[in-house]
């Protein structure tokens, strides 16, 4: 598995948390972009944010725009997803992967938002 996600937690609505994504030990990633996906129980996995490697340009799904921020330390990671003002509907398993043409999925990291 190329990446490892971490940082998920059980939090209350309105809280903030930051997810991290790093290349697995011994793996060097060279990607044009990296994204964060999420999958809620009973729903399809959806891409919520991505960042272009060369330009740093970020793109967000409307459901998270203004609340989530994707960033990276270097071109080859690690990557982060800062989640502010979380809502119950943000509850999901979060994965990092290449936008639109994902490689092998990691285990993800669970975010649970409660009232």
Protein backbone atom coordinates (compact mmCIF):
# COMPACT_ATOMS: atom_id res chain seq x y z
CA UNK A 1 0.00 0.00 0.00
CA UNK A 2 1.61 3.25 -1.11
CA UNK A 3 0.21 5.57 1.57
CA UNK A 4 -0.71 5.62 5.23
CA UNK A 5 -3.43 7.87 6.57
CA UNK A 6 -3.71 8.99 10.19
CA UNK A 7 -5.28 11.58 12.46
CA UNK A 8 -8.87 10.47 12.54
CA UNK A 9 -10.80 10.80 15.76
CA UNK A 10 -14.19 11.07 17.40
CA UNK A 11 -15.01 14.76 17.77
CA UNK A 12 -17.97 16.98 18.42
CA UNK A 13 -19.64 19.17 15.87
CA UNK A 14 -17.75 22.40 15.33
CA UNK A 15 -14.41 20.91 16.29
CA UNK A 16 -11.23 20.90 14.24
CA UNK A 17 -8.82 18.12 13.39
CA UNK A 18 -6.05 17.48 10.91
CA UNK A 19 -5.56 14.30 8.92
CA UNK A 20 -2.16 13.26 7.62
CA UNK A 21 -1.09 11.18 4.63
CA UNK A 22 2.42 9.92 4.07
CA UNK A 23 4.15 7.51 1.76
CA UNK A 24 4.54 4.06 3.25
CA UNK A 25 7.96 3.11 4.56
CA UNK A 26 10.32 2.48 1.71
CA UNK A 27 7.99 4.08 -0.83
CA UNK A 28 8.74 7.26 -2.74
CA UNK A 29 5.71 8.82 -4.34
CA UNK A 30 5.87 11.01 -7.40
CA UNK A 31 2.42 12.30 -8.16
CA UNK A 32 0.99 15.18 -10.16
CA UNK A 33 -1.65 15.73 -7.51
CA UNK A 34 -2.90 14.24 -4.29
CA UNK A 35 -6.41 14.18 -3.00
CA UNK A 36 -8.49 13.31 0.00
CA UNK A 37 -11.49 11.07 -0.45
CA UNK A 38 -14.07 9.97 2.07
CA UNK A 39 -16.57 7.17 2.31
CA UNK A 40 -19.50 7.27 4.66
CA UNK A 41 -21.35 4.09 5.65
CA UNK A 42 -23.60 2.96 2.83
CA UNK A 43 -22.33 5.61 0.43
CA UNK A 44 -19.86 5.71 -2.42
CA UNK A 45 -16.38 7.05 -1.93
CA UNK A 46 -16.14 10.69 -2.94
CA UNK A 47 -13.26 13.04 -3.67
CA UNK A 48 -13.49 16.09 -1.42
CA UNK A 49 -10.22 17.95 -1.95
CA UNK A 50 -7.03 17.78 -3.99
CA UNK A 51 -3.84 19.71 -4.49
CA UNK A 52 -1.71 19.98 -7.60
CA UNK A 53 1.92 19.14 -7.01
CA UNK A 54 3.56 21.70 -9.31
CA UNK A 55 1.35 24.71 -8.63
CA UNK A 56 -0.09 24.00 -5.22
CA UNK A 57 -3.50 24.83 -6.58
CA UNK A 58 -6.27 23.42 -4.42
CA UNK A 59 -9.78 22.33 -5.33
CA UNK A 60 -12.64 21.46 -3.02
CA UNK A 61 -16.01 19.82 -3.25
CA UNK A 62 -18.81 22.21 -2.34
CA UNK A 63 -19.63 20.13 0.73
CA UNK A 64 -16.32 21.05 2.37
CA UNK A 65 -15.40 24.34 0.73
CA UNK A 66 -14.55 26.97 3.32
CA UNK A 67 -14.16 24.40 6.10
CA UNK A 68 -11.42 22.01 4.90
CA UNK A 69 -7.91 22.91 3.81
CA UNK A 70 -5.58 20.58 1.95
CA UNK A 71 -1.86 21.19 2.10
CA UNK A 72 1.51 19.48 1.75
CA UNK A 73 4.98 19.81 3.20
CA UNK A 74 6.83 18.86 0.00
CA UNK A 75 6.01 17.70 -3.53
CA UNK A 76 6.29 14.10 -2.36
CA UNK A 77 4.32 14.59 0.80
CA UNK A 78 3.29 14.33 3.45
CA UNK A 79 -0.14 15.78 2.76
CA UNK A 80 -2.70 17.08 5.22
CA UNK A 81 -6.39 17.78 5.45
CA UNK A 82 -7.30 20.35 8.07
CA UNK A 83 -10.96 20.04 8.95
CA UNK A 84 -12.61 22.97 10.68
CA UNK A 85 -16.16 23.36 11.90
CA UNK A 86 -16.88 19.70 11.29
CA UNK A 87 -20.43 18.51 10.84
CA UNK A 88 -22.12 15.19 11.55
CA UNK A 89 -22.25 14.58 7.80
CA UNK A 90 -18.44 14.66 7.71
CA UNK A 91 -18.45 11.30 9.48
CA UNK A 92 -16.61 8.90 7.19
CA UNK A 93 -13.42 7.00 6.57
CA UNK A 94 -10.94 9.33 4.91
CA UNK A 95 -8.38 8.21 2.35
CA UNK A 96 -5.65 9.94 0.41
CA UNK A 97 -5.02 8.98 -3.19
CA UNK A 98 -4.46 10.40 -6.65
CA UNK A 99 -7.50 12.38 -7.83
CA UNK A 100 -9.71 10.59 -10.39
CA UNK A 101 -7.21 7.76 -11.10
CA UNK A 102 -6.55 6.27 -7.68
CA UNK A 103 -3.94 3.62 -7.02
CA UNK A 104 -4.23 0.94 -4.34
CA UNK A 105 -6.24 2.19 -1.39
CA UNK A 106 -4.78 2.48 2.06
CA UNK A 107 -6.67 1.59 5.22
CA UNK A 108 -7.93 5.12 5.69
CA UNK A 109 -8.56 6.95 8.93
CA UNK A 110 -11.93 7.18 10.65
CA UNK A 111 -13.53 10.50 11.48
CA UNK A 112 -16.67 10.39 13.59
CA UNK A 113 -18.54 13.58 14.38
CA UNK A 114 -21.11 13.59 17.15
CA UNK A 115 -23.40 16.28 18.48
